[in-house]
Protein backbone atom coordinates (compact mmCIF):
# COMPACT_ATOMS: atom_id res chain seq x y z
CA UNK A 1 0.03 0.04 0.25
CA UNK A 2 1.61 3.34 -1.34
CA UNK A 3 -0.89 5.69 0.17
CA UNK A 4 -1.19 6.63 2.38
CA UNK A 5 0.71 4.00 5.12
CA UNK A 6 0.39 5.46 8.90
CA UNK A 7 3.06 2.83 10.36
CA UNK A 8 5.37 4.38 7.50
CA UNK A 9 4.27 8.28 8.25
CA UNK A 10 4.78 7.60 12.12
CA UNK A 11 8.70 6.57 11.55
CA UNK A 12 9.25 9.65 9.12
CA UNK A 13 7.84 11.59 11.64
CA UNK A 14 9.36 10.17 14.90
CA UNK A 15 12.91 10.28 12.49
CA UNK A 16 12.36 13.78 11.65
CA UNK A 17 12.03 15.66 15.06
CA UNK A 18 15.06 13.31 16.18
CA UNK A 19 17.17 15.48 13.23
CA UNK A 20 15.83 18.47 13.69
CA UNK A 21 14.07 18.14 10.77
CA UNK A 22 10.74 19.74 10.34
CA UNK A 23 8.25 17.14 7.92
CA UNK A 24 5.07 17.27 6.75
CA UNK A 25 3.01 14.39 6.51
CA UNK A 26 2.10 12.82 3.33
CA UNK A 27 -1.65 13.62 3.46
CA UNK A 28 -4.77 13.97 0.92
CA UNK A 29 -3.14 16.88 -1.09
CA UNK A 30 -0.64 14.67 -2.12
CA UNK A 31 -3.45 11.95 -3.26
CA UNK A 32 -5.26 14.60 -5.24
CA UNK A 33 -2.47 15.87 -6.79
CA UNK A 34 -1.04 12.55 -8.16
CA UNK A 35 -4.53 11.80 -9.12
CA UNK A 36 -5.37 15.17 -10.74
CA UNK A 37 -2.45 14.59 -12.68
CA UNK A 38 -2.43 11.34 -13.38
CA UNK A 39 -6.18 12.11 -15.07
CA UNK A 40 -4.62 14.70 -16.89
CA UNK A 41 -2.35 12.79 -18.41
CA UNK A 42 -4.86 9.74 -19.06
CA UNK A 43 -6.79 12.55 -21.23
CA UNK A 44 -3.60 13.57 -22.94
CA UNK A 45 -3.08 9.80 -23.86
CA UNK A 46 -6.45 9.90 -25.62
CA UNK A 47 -5.40 13.15 -27.28
CA UNK A 48 -2.68 11.76 -28.68
CA UNK A 49 -4.02 8.30 -30.12
CA UNK A 50 -6.55 10.57 -31.91
CA UNK A 51 -3.75 12.89 -33.05
CA UNK A 52 -1.56 9.49 -34.33
CA UNK A 53 -4.72 8.08 -35.94
CA UNK A 54 -4.81 11.36 -37.79
CA UNK A 55 -1.10 12.25 -38.71
CA UNK A 56 -1.69 12.17 -42.18
CA UNK A 57 -4.16 15.33 -41.19
CA UNK A 58 -1.98 18.13 -42.99
CA UNK A 59 -2.51 20.76 -40.59
CA UNK A 60 -1.47 17.90 -37.74
CA UNK A 61 1.15 16.42 -40.02
CA UNK A 62 3.38 20.11 -39.85
CA UNK A 63 3.76 19.70 -35.98
CA UNK A 64 5.18 16.66 -36.33
CA UNK A 65 3.11 14.52 -34.53
CA UNK A 66 5.72 11.81 -33.61
CA UNK A 67 8.00 14.41 -32.08
CA UNK A 68 4.64 15.86 -30.03
CA UNK A 69 3.98 12.11 -28.99
CA UNK A 70 7.52 11.88 -27.99
CA UNK A 71 6.98 15.02 -26.28
CA UNK A 72 4.10 13.97 -23.98
CA UNK A 73 5.35 10.27 -23.24
CA UNK A 74 8.58 11.86 -21.80
CA UNK A 75 6.76 14.06 -19.73
CA UNK A 76 4.57 11.27 -18.69
CA UNK A 77 8.02 9.35 -17.69
CA UNK A 78 8.65 12.77 -15.91
CA UNK A 79 5.42 12.35 -13.47
CA UNK A 80 6.54 8.71 -12.84
CA UNK A 81 9.69 9.97 -11.42
CA UNK A 82 8.09 12.95 -9.65
CA UNK A 83 5.64 11.02 -7.76
CA UNK A 84 8.71 9.54 -6.43
CA UNK A 85 11.16 11.73 -5.84
CA UNK A 86 9.08 14.64 -4.81
CA UNK A 87 8.03 11.97 -2.14
CA UNK A 88 4.44 12.00 -2.73
CA UNK A 89 3.75 8.43 -2.07
CA UNK A 90 5.12 5.80 0.22
CA UNK A 91 8.13 4.19 -1.01
CA UNK A 92 8.74 1.66 1.80
CA UNK A 93 8.54 -1.82 0.69
CA UNK A 94 8.00 -0.66 -3.06
CA UNK A 95 10.12 -0.89 -6.64
CA UNK A 96 10.08 2.93 -5.67
CA UNK A 97 13.00 2.47 -3.44
CA UNK A 98 15.01 1.85 -6.52
CA UNK A 99 16.02 5.27 -7.03
CA UNK A 100 18.43 5.18 -9.63
CA UNK A 101 16.22 3.32 -12.15
CA UNK A 102 12.75 5.60 -11.25
CA UNK A 103 14.76 8.66 -9.87
CA UNK A 104 17.26 9.05 -12.36
CA UNK A 105 17.02 6.84 -15.73
CA UNK A 106 13.28 7.38 -16.18
CA UNK A 107 12.82 10.59 -14.58
CA UNK A 108 15.70 12.46 -15.50
CA UNK A 109 17.43 11.16 -18.49
CA UNK A 110 13.90 9.96 -19.96
CA UNK A 111 11.56 12.35 -18.79
CA UNK A 112 13.04 15.36 -18.49
CA UNK A 113 16.22 15.08 -20.54
CA UNK A 114 13.65 13.35 -23.31
CA UNK A 115 11.49 17.05 -22.90
CA UNK A 116 14.19 18.74 -23.50
CA UNK A 117 15.53 16.54 -26.82
CA UNK A 118 12.28 17.22 -28.38
CA UNK A 119 12.67 20.94 -28.26
CA UNK A 120 16.47 20.63 -29.43
CA UNK A 121 15.26 18.89 -32.64
CA UNK A 122 11.82 20.59 -33.34
CA UNK A 123 14.36 23.84 -33.04
CA UNK A 124 16.71 22.31 -34.92
CA UNK A 125 13.90 20.82 -37.80
CA UNK A 126 12.48 24.50 -37.91
CA UNK A 127 16.32 25.97 -38.51
CA UNK A 128 16.49 23.32 -41.05
CA UNK A 129 13.42 23.84 -42.84
CA UNK A 130 12.69 27.56 -42.90
CA UNK A 131 16.14 28.81 -42.98
CA UNK A 132 18.36 26.47 -44.69
CA UNK A 133 15.74 25.43 -47.22
CA UNK A 134 16.51 21.50 -46.34
CA UNK A 135 14.19 18.76 -46.23
CA UNK A 136 14.50 17.43 -42.62
CA UNK A 137 15.14 13.60 -43.38
CA UNK A 138 18.01 11.60 -43.66
CA UNK A 139 21.51 12.03 -41.77
CA UNK A 140 20.10 15.44 -40.60
CA UNK A 141 17.57 13.93 -38.38
CA UNK A 142 19.32 10.69 -37.25
CA UNK A 143 22.77 12.00 -36.49
CA UNK A 144 21.86 14.74 -33.50
CA UNK A 145 19.19 11.47 -32.44
CA UNK A 146 21.89 8.99 -32.35
CA UNK A 147 24.80 11.94 -30.57
CA UNK A 148 22.54 12.92 -27.85
CA UNK A 149 20.85 9.24 -26.92
CA UNK A 150 24.99 8.22 -27.16
CA UNK A 151 25.35 10.73 -24.53
CA UNK A 152 22.60 9.73 -22.28
CA UNK A 153 23.70 5.98 -22.31
CA UNK A 154 26.77 6.85 -21.33
CA UNK A 155 26.12 9.04 -18.59
CA UNK A 156 23.25 6.38 -17.27
CA UNK A 157 25.90 3.64 -16.86
CA UNK A 158 28.58 5.59 -15.28
CA UNK A 159 25.46 6.75 -12.95
CA UNK A 160 25.28 2.85 -12.50
CA UNK A 161 28.46 1.85 -11.79
CA UNK A 162 29.06 4.34 -9.03
CA UNK A 163 28.04 3.58 -6.11
CA UNK A 164 24.70 4.38 -4.59
CA UNK A 165 25.57 7.15 -1.97
CA UNK A 166 27.76 8.94 -4.84
CA UNK A 167 24.57 9.79 -7.02
CA UNK A 168 20.92 8.83 -5.75
CA UNK A 169 20.18 6.44 -2.73
CA UNK A 170 17.06 5.45 -0.75
CA UNK A 171 17.08 6.90 2.98
CA UNK A 172 14.94 4.52 5.23
CA UNK A 173 14.66 6.84 7.89
CA UNK A 174 12.87 9.40 6.10
CA UNK A 175 11.46 7.14 3.25
CA UNK A 176 12.43 9.12 0.42
CA UNK A 177 15.34 9.42 -1.89
CA UNK A 178 18.15 11.58 -1.89
CA UNK A 179 20.56 12.64 -4.01
CA UNK A 180 24.36 13.68 -3.87
CA UNK A 181 24.98 17.04 -4.01
CA UNK A 182 28.07 16.90 -6.83
CA UNK A 183 26.00 14.14 -8.68
CA UNK A 184 22.69 16.49 -8.65
CA UNK A 185 25.25 19.20 -10.39
CA UNK A 186 26.24 17.13 -12.99
CA UNK A 187 22.54 16.22 -13.58
CA UNK A 188 21.72 19.97 -13.52
CA UNK A 189 24.63 21.11 -15.81
CA UNK A 190 23.65 18.08 -18.48
CA UNK A 191 20.16 19.53 -18.54
CA UNK A 192 20.93 23.03 -18.83
CA UNK A 193 23.30 22.31 -21.60
CA UNK A 194 20.67 20.61 -23.91
CA UNK A 195 18.65 23.84 -23.10
CA UNK A 196 21.51 26.22 -24.27
CA UNK A 197 21.19 24.04 -27.49
CA UNK A 198 17.58 24.75 -27.98
CA UNK A 199 18.02 28.32 -26.40
CA UNK A 200 20.72 28.84 -29.69
CA UNK A 201 18.40 27.39 -32.13
CA UNK A 202 15.98 29.36 -31.17
CA UNK A 203 17.84 32.59 -31.60
CA UNK A 204 18.44 31.45 -35.54
CA UNK A 205 14.78 30.82 -35.87
CA UNK A 206 13.45 33.82 -34.24
CA UNK A 207 13.14 36.17 -37.73
CA UNK A 208 11.30 32.63 -39.90
CA UNK A 209 8.75 33.28 -42.10
CA UNK A 210 6.12 30.63 -41.49
CA UNK A 211 2.34 30.74 -41.80
CA UNK A 212 1.46 29.27 -38.02
CA UNK A 213 3.58 31.06 -35.29
CA UNK A 214 6.32 28.32 -35.27
CA UNK A 215 8.39 30.83 -34.03
CA UNK A 216 6.32 31.56 -31.26
CA UNK A 217 5.44 28.50 -30.15
CA UNK A 218 9.06 27.95 -29.81
CA UNK A 219 9.12 31.30 -27.88
CA UNK A 220 6.55 30.30 -25.58
CA UNK A 221 8.01 26.75 -25.11
CA UNK A 222 11.35 28.30 -24.30
CA UNK A 223 9.99 30.45 -21.99
CA UNK A 224 8.44 27.78 -20.04
CA UNK A 225 10.58 25.61 -19.78
CA UNK A 226 13.07 27.75 -18.83
CA UNK A 227 11.45 29.31 -15.81
CA UNK A 228 10.25 25.95 -14.57
CA UNK A 229 14.01 24.65 -14.88
CA UNK A 230 15.05 27.68 -13.35
CA UNK A 231 12.68 27.35 -10.44
CA UNK A 232 13.88 23.81 -10.37
CA UNK A 233 17.42 24.66 -9.89
CA UNK A 234 16.87 27.15 -7.23
CA UNK A 235 14.64 24.55 -5.39
CA UNK A 236 16.95 21.73 -5.63
CA UNK A 237 19.92 23.77 -4.32
CA UNK A 238 18.81 26.10 -2.11
CA UNK A 239 16.48 23.99 -0.29
CA UNK A 240 17.52 20.27 -0.85
CA UNK A 241 14.69 19.09 1.73
CA UNK A 242 11.89 20.12 -0.37
CA UNK A 243 10.19 16.32 -0.19
CA UNK A 244 9.82 17.20 3.25
CA UNK A 245 7.60 20.04 2.77
CA UNK A 246 4.02 20.19 1.43
CA UNK A 247 4.11 23.40 -0.35
CA UNK A 248 7.21 22.87 -1.55
CA UNK A 249 6.78 19.19 -3.24
CA UNK A 250 3.62 20.22 -4.73
CA UNK A 251 4.31 23.53 -6.27
CA UNK A 252 7.71 21.90 -7.78
CA UNK A 253 5.91 18.74 -9.26
CA UNK A 254 2.38 20.82 -10.61
CA UNK A 255 4.51 23.39 -11.85
CA UNK A 256 7.24 20.65 -14.15
CA UNK A 257 3.53 19.48 -15.44
CA UNK A 258 1.44 22.32 -16.01
CA UNK A 259 4.43 23.80 -17.90
CA UNK A 260 4.87 20.52 -20.32
CA UNK A 261 0.98 20.09 -20.61
CA UNK A 262 0.54 23.86 -21.28
CA UNK A 263 3.37 23.57 -24.20
CA UNK A 264 1.42 20.63 -25.46
CA UNK A 265 -1.78 21.46 -25.60
CA UNK A 266 -0.38 24.95 -27.06
CA UNK A 267 0.91 23.68 -29.68
CA UNK A 268 -1.70 20.61 -30.67
CA UNK A 269 -5.39 22.13 -29.70
CA UNK A 270 -6.05 23.81 -32.77
CA UNK A 271 -5.20 21.25 -35.23
CA UNK A 272 -6.82 18.74 -33.09
CA UNK A 273 -10.22 20.64 -32.37
CA UNK A 274 -10.48 21.22 -36.05
CA UNK A 275 -9.68 17.65 -37.49
CA UNK A 276 -12.33 16.57 -35.32
CA UNK A 277 -15.42 19.18 -35.73
CA UNK A 278 -14.27 21.23 -38.80
CA UNK A 279 -12.40 19.01 -40.43
CA UNK A 280 -12.85 20.12 -44.08
CA UNK A 281 -12.95 23.54 -43.07
CA UNK A 282 -10.06 24.36 -41.43
CA UNK A 283 -8.30 22.21 -43.79
CA UNK A 284 -9.32 24.77 -46.72
CA UNK A 285 -7.77 28.00 -44.42
CA UNK A 286 -5.18 26.03 -43.35
CA UNK A 287 -3.81 25.82 -47.28
CA UNK A 288 -5.31 28.94 -48.56
CA UNK A 289 -2.97 30.36 -45.70
CA UNK A 290 0.37 28.48 -46.73
CA UNK A 291 -0.50 29.66 -50.77
CA UNK A 292 -0.82 33.50 -49.41
CA UNK A 293 2.15 32.76 -48.05
CA UNK A 294 4.42 30.40 -50.48
CA UNK A 295 5.19 27.98 -48.17
CA UNK A 296 3.33 24.62 -49.33
CA UNK A 297 6.97 22.78 -49.68
CA UNK A 298 8.05 23.67 -46.23
CA UNK A 299 4.81 22.52 -44.95
CA UNK A 300 4.93 19.35 -46.84
CA UNK A 301 1.99 19.90 -49.32
CA UNK A 302 2.77 17.06 -51.13
CA UNK A 303 0.41 16.55 -54.50
CA UNK A 304 0.43 13.13 -54.90
CA UNK A 305 -2.72 12.17 -53.66
CA UNK A 306 -6.09 13.04 -53.53
CA UNK A 307 -8.11 13.76 -50.55
CA UNK A 308 -10.58 11.44 -49.97
CA UNK A 309 -14.32 12.55 -51.22
CA UNK A 310 -12.41 15.88 -52.79
CA UNK A 311 -13.25 14.46 -56.39
CA UNK A 312 -16.31 13.27 -57.89
CA UNK A 313 -16.52 10.43 -61.05
CA UNK A 314 -17.69 13.62 -62.72
CA UNK A 315 -14.27 15.37 -62.34
CA UNK A 316 -11.82 12.83 -63.40
CA UNK A 317 -14.21 11.83 -66.62
CA UNK A 318 -14.09 15.62 -67.62
CA UNK A 319 -10.41 15.86 -66.63
CA UNK A 320 -9.68 12.88 -68.92
CA UNK A 321 -12.01 14.05 -72.16
CA UNK A 322 -10.16 17.28 -71.48
CA UNK A 323 -6.13 16.09 -71.58
CA UNK A 324 -7.72 14.03 -74.40
CA UNK A 325 -8.86 16.49 -76.74
CA UNK A 326 -5.32 18.08 -75.98
CA UNK A 327 -7.51 21.55 -75.98
CA UNK A 328 -5.80 24.41 -73.79
CA UNK A 329 -5.71 28.23 -73.84
CA UNK A 330 -2.55 28.73 -72.45
CA UNK A 331 0.57 26.49 -72.09
CA UNK A 332 3.55 28.15 -70.02
CA UNK A 333 6.03 25.39 -70.37
CA UNK A 334 6.76 21.68 -70.97
CA UNK A 335 5.91 20.73 -67.64
CA UNK A 336 2.53 22.62 -67.44
CA UNK A 337 -0.56 22.40 -69.55
CA UNK A 338 -4.26 24.26 -68.62
CA UNK A 339 -7.32 23.15 -69.31
CA UNK A 340 -10.64 25.04 -69.49
CA UNK A 341 -14.87 23.26 -69.54
CA UNK A 342 -18.25 24.75 -68.11
CA UNK A 343 -20.02 22.86 -65.90
CA UNK A 344 -23.28 24.22 -64.90
CA UNK A 345 -22.43 27.53 -65.40
CA UNK A 346 -19.16 27.35 -63.75
CA UNK A 347 -16.11 27.50 -65.43
CA UNK A 348 -13.58 24.55 -64.35
CA UNK A 349 -9.85 24.50 -64.65
CA UNK A 350 -7.82 21.61 -64.91
CA UNK A 351 -3.97 21.69 -64.69
CA UNK A 352 -1.71 18.92 -66.46
CA UNK A 353 1.90 18.63 -64.44
CA UNK A 354 3.02 15.40 -66.92
CA UNK A 355 2.14 13.42 -63.63
CA UNK A 356 -1.13 14.57 -62.01
CA UNK A 357 -3.99 16.56 -63.02
CA UNK A 358 -5.34 19.37 -60.32
CA UNK A 359 -8.80 20.19 -60.39
CA UNK A 360 -9.71 23.68 -59.95
CA UNK A 361 -12.90 25.33 -59.25
CA UNK A 362 -13.97 28.22 -60.27
CA UNK A 363 -17.69 30.45 -59.10
CA UNK A 364 -18.99 31.06 -62.47
CA UNK A 365 -15.83 33.12 -63.03
CA UNK A 366 -15.25 34.01 -66.88
CA UNK A 367 -12.84 32.08 -68.98
CA UNK A 368 -10.77 35.24 -68.71
CA UNK A 369 -10.61 36.13 -64.90
CA UNK A 370 -10.00 32.28 -64.23
CA UNK A 371 -7.03 32.05 -66.63
CA UNK A 372 -5.53 35.10 -65.07
CA UNK A 373 -5.83 34.10 -61.85
CA UNK A 374 -4.27 30.70 -63.01
CA UNK A 375 -1.17 32.71 -64.62
CA UNK A 376 -1.00 34.88 -61.19
CA UNK A 377 -0.66 32.00 -58.90
CA UNK A 378 2.20 30.09 -60.70
CA UNK A 379 3.91 32.95 -60.95
CA UNK A 380 3.90 33.33 -57.89
CA UNK A 381 4.95 29.80 -56.54
CA UNK A 382 7.65 28.27 -58.81
CA UNK A 383 6.74 24.80 -58.10
CA UNK A 384 4.55 22.05 -58.99
CA UNK A 385 2.14 22.86 -55.72
CA UNK A 386 -1.35 22.59 -56.92
CA UNK A 387 -4.75 24.63 -56.46
CA UNK A 388 -5.74 28.44 -56.31
CA UNK A 389 -8.10 30.83 -54.44
CA UNK A 390 -10.46 27.89 -53.13
CA UNK A 391 -10.16 25.63 -55.64
CA UNK A 392 -9.79 22.40 -54.35
CA UNK A 393 -6.71 20.57 -54.37
CA UNK A 394 -4.12 17.35 -53.98
CA UNK A 395 -2.66 17.38 -50.84
């Protein structure tokens, strides 16, 4: 029984009194915090499953769903470690007395460092895509992950090789985990080096031209994570016995996971909500925004497949008929062919790139206007991305 355990709490209180230490017993406040944050993470889990199920939905895909899933997983592992290290539950006679396993490997390496690593990779990806104009794939993705993983692995193995009193160890009398000061300093140095890399990358992307405020998202995330880690650093070194104080341990746990959840939902709430309730309308607005900003390539708007339900058999048949006749009004190069036909009083535009056919729809506009819009769009984007205005498009 990890909470509450009256026998253990009485023993802790007696030991603290003998040592001249103030101790706040574990109470219903601890239980309430653990239960509430656990419920929040259960809701987060449902949101992550929905996000991964709809990961091909372009507004979600643009947020790097795999990275966002890793962010929440690392945050949840951080919480598991906080439950142990911050002293919210009874540790005696449970697996929670393994301070190095849960307190260091789970909480620090996979949790805190995992969260920081996701921010670092996200900022690094934004720098490659928006500043260097390079696709973020191949060795650009894998090399930083491999290097950081190797560093974490080496650090973790060294911590296991050292004796427990030099790293993290269980204090039976007080039923809590304690950390040797030099080791604690090395842990925070490792975390702050990672955060320094995040800050450096954010500085490099501060002026990027993006359609959906990625630089602002990163600014908010950096501000929150830096404030949280600054608070944790001061608490750990100025009040090393903070798990014995109800106010300090609750504040520490709540602040940490309020930070990570605010960052996650601040990034994913809008695309998830609209994917669920306004899927088609939001997608149209999302793509129109990309067209106006000219950032289709940066957001990986792909022209290789149809959006399900976007095209009717009549659309395809009409396109095939027009292409077969090879009767086009304008051809700008060997790569593009523009075809027009009337259907129900509306002028429909067909763009043939040689590989794909894109179908646009005008609202009863005359052929000259449709032609002008098409040429204007083509000149504004030196690529094969499809669509213009409110026309239907391929993604």
